[in-house]
Amino acid sequence: MEKAINEILGTGIIISPIVIILVEVMKKPNLIPSKWLAPSACFVGILFAVVLSLTYPDLGSWQQLAMSGIVAGAIASGIYTQTNLKK
C-alpha cells in the first residue's frame, strides 16, 4: 500500500505541472466553452498520463498514472472553485 501511495504521489508531482500548463493554454484563448473545461482538462490529464506510462513504464501502471492525471486535470481546470461559486 505504501509503495502505491508513493508512486501515485511521485507521478502526480511529475504530471501536475505539465497538465496545468496545457489546461492554461486551453483556457486563455477560450478554445473550449467553460462548461466543457473540467471534462476536457481531466481528459488531457488522462491522455498525458497514459502516454507517460507507455514512455516510462517504471513510473507505474497506466491506471495509477491516469488517476493522477484526473486529479491534475481537475485541479488545473479549477473544478473545485467552480463548484464553490455555484452555491
Protein backbone atom coordinates (compact mmCIF):
# COMPACT_ATOMS: atom_id res chain seq x y z
CA MET A 1 0.00 0.00 0.00
CA GLU A 2 2.80 2.39 0.90
CA LYS A 3 4.53 1.71 -2.42
CA ALA A 4 1.34 2.50 -4.36
CA ILE A 5 0.82 5.76 -2.45
CA ASN A 6 4.44 6.79 -3.07
CA GLU A 7 4.09 6.03 -6.79
CA ILE A 8 0.86 8.00 -7.09
CA LEU A 9 2.28 10.99 -5.24
CA GLY A 10 5.55 10.84 -7.17
CA THR A 11 3.89 10.68 -10.55
CA GLY A 12 1.39 13.34 -9.53
CA ILE A 13 4.29 15.70 -8.96
CA ILE A 14 5.54 14.95 -12.48
CA ILE A 15 2.15 15.13 -14.19
CA SER A 16 0.53 18.09 -12.42
CA PRO A 17 2.69 20.99 -13.66
CA ILE A 18 2.58 19.86 -17.28
CA VAL A 19 -1.18 19.28 -17.25
CA ILE A 20 -1.73 22.65 -15.55
CA ILE A 21 0.26 24.38 -18.29
CA LEU A 22 -1.66 22.56 -21.05
CA VAL A 23 -5.00 23.45 -19.48
CA GLU A 24 -4.00 27.09 -19.04
CA VAL A 25 -3.12 27.19 -22.74
CA MET A 26 -6.63 25.87 -23.47
CA LYS A 27 -8.27 28.37 -21.08
CA LYS A 28 -6.68 31.62 -22.21
CA PRO A 29 -7.90 31.95 -25.82
CA ASN A 30 -11.28 30.38 -24.90
CA LEU A 31 -10.68 27.34 -27.09
CA ILE A 32 -13.17 25.34 -25.06
CA PRO A 33 -16.50 26.56 -23.65
CA SER A 34 -16.43 26.87 -19.86
CA LYS A 35 -18.96 24.07 -19.32
CA TRP A 36 -16.63 21.62 -21.08
CA LEU A 37 -13.43 22.83 -19.46
CA ALA A 38 -13.39 20.44 -16.49
CA PRO A 39 -14.07 17.26 -18.51
CA SER A 40 -11.59 18.36 -21.17
CA ALA A 41 -8.93 19.07 -18.57
CA CYS A 42 -9.43 15.65 -16.97
CA PHE A 43 -9.24 14.04 -20.40
CA VAL A 44 -5.96 15.88 -21.12
CA GLY A 45 -4.64 14.67 -17.78
CA ILE A 46 -5.59 11.06 -18.51
CA LEU A 47 -4.17 11.22 -22.02
CA PHE A 48 -0.88 12.70 -20.85
CA ALA A 49 -0.64 10.14 -18.03
CA VAL A 50 -1.22 7.19 -20.36
CA VAL A 51 1.40 8.47 -22.81
CA LEU A 52 3.79 8.94 -19.89
CA SER A 53 3.14 5.40 -18.65
CA LEU A 54 3.83 3.97 -22.11
CA THR A 55 7.01 6.01 -22.42
CA TYR A 56 8.31 5.33 -18.90
CA PRO A 57 6.78 2.05 -17.66
CA ASP A 58 8.85 2.15 -14.46
CA LEU A 59 6.78 5.08 -13.15
CA GLY A 60 3.77 2.86 -12.55
CA SER A 61 0.82 1.30 -14.27
CA TRP A 62 -1.32 3.35 -16.62
CA GLN A 63 -4.22 3.09 -14.16
CA GLN A 64 -2.19 4.71 -11.38
CA LEU A 65 -0.97 7.43 -13.68
CA ALA A 66 -4.44 8.00 -15.12
CA MET A 67 -5.78 8.64 -11.61
CA SER A 68 -3.05 11.23 -11.09
CA GLY A 69 -3.97 12.72 -14.47
CA ILE A 70 -7.63 13.05 -13.48
CA VAL A 71 -6.71 14.85 -10.28
CA ALA A 72 -4.23 17.11 -12.08
CA GLY A 73 -6.80 17.97 -14.73
CA ALA A 74 -9.47 18.73 -12.15
CA ILE A 75 -7.14 21.00 -10.22
CA ALA A 76 -5.94 22.71 -13.39
CA SER A 77 -9.46 23.43 -14.60
CA GLY A 78 -10.43 24.98 -11.30
CA ILE A 79 -13.22 22.46 -10.78
CA TYR A 80 -13.07 22.94 -7.03
CA THR A 81 -13.55 26.70 -7.26
CA GLN A 82 -16.27 26.30 -9.89
CA THR A 83 -18.33 24.10 -7.59
CA ASN A 84 -18.00 26.60 -4.73
CA LEU A 85 -19.08 29.54 -6.90
CA LYS A 86 -22.39 27.96 -7.93
CA LYS A 87 -23.71 27.68 -4.37
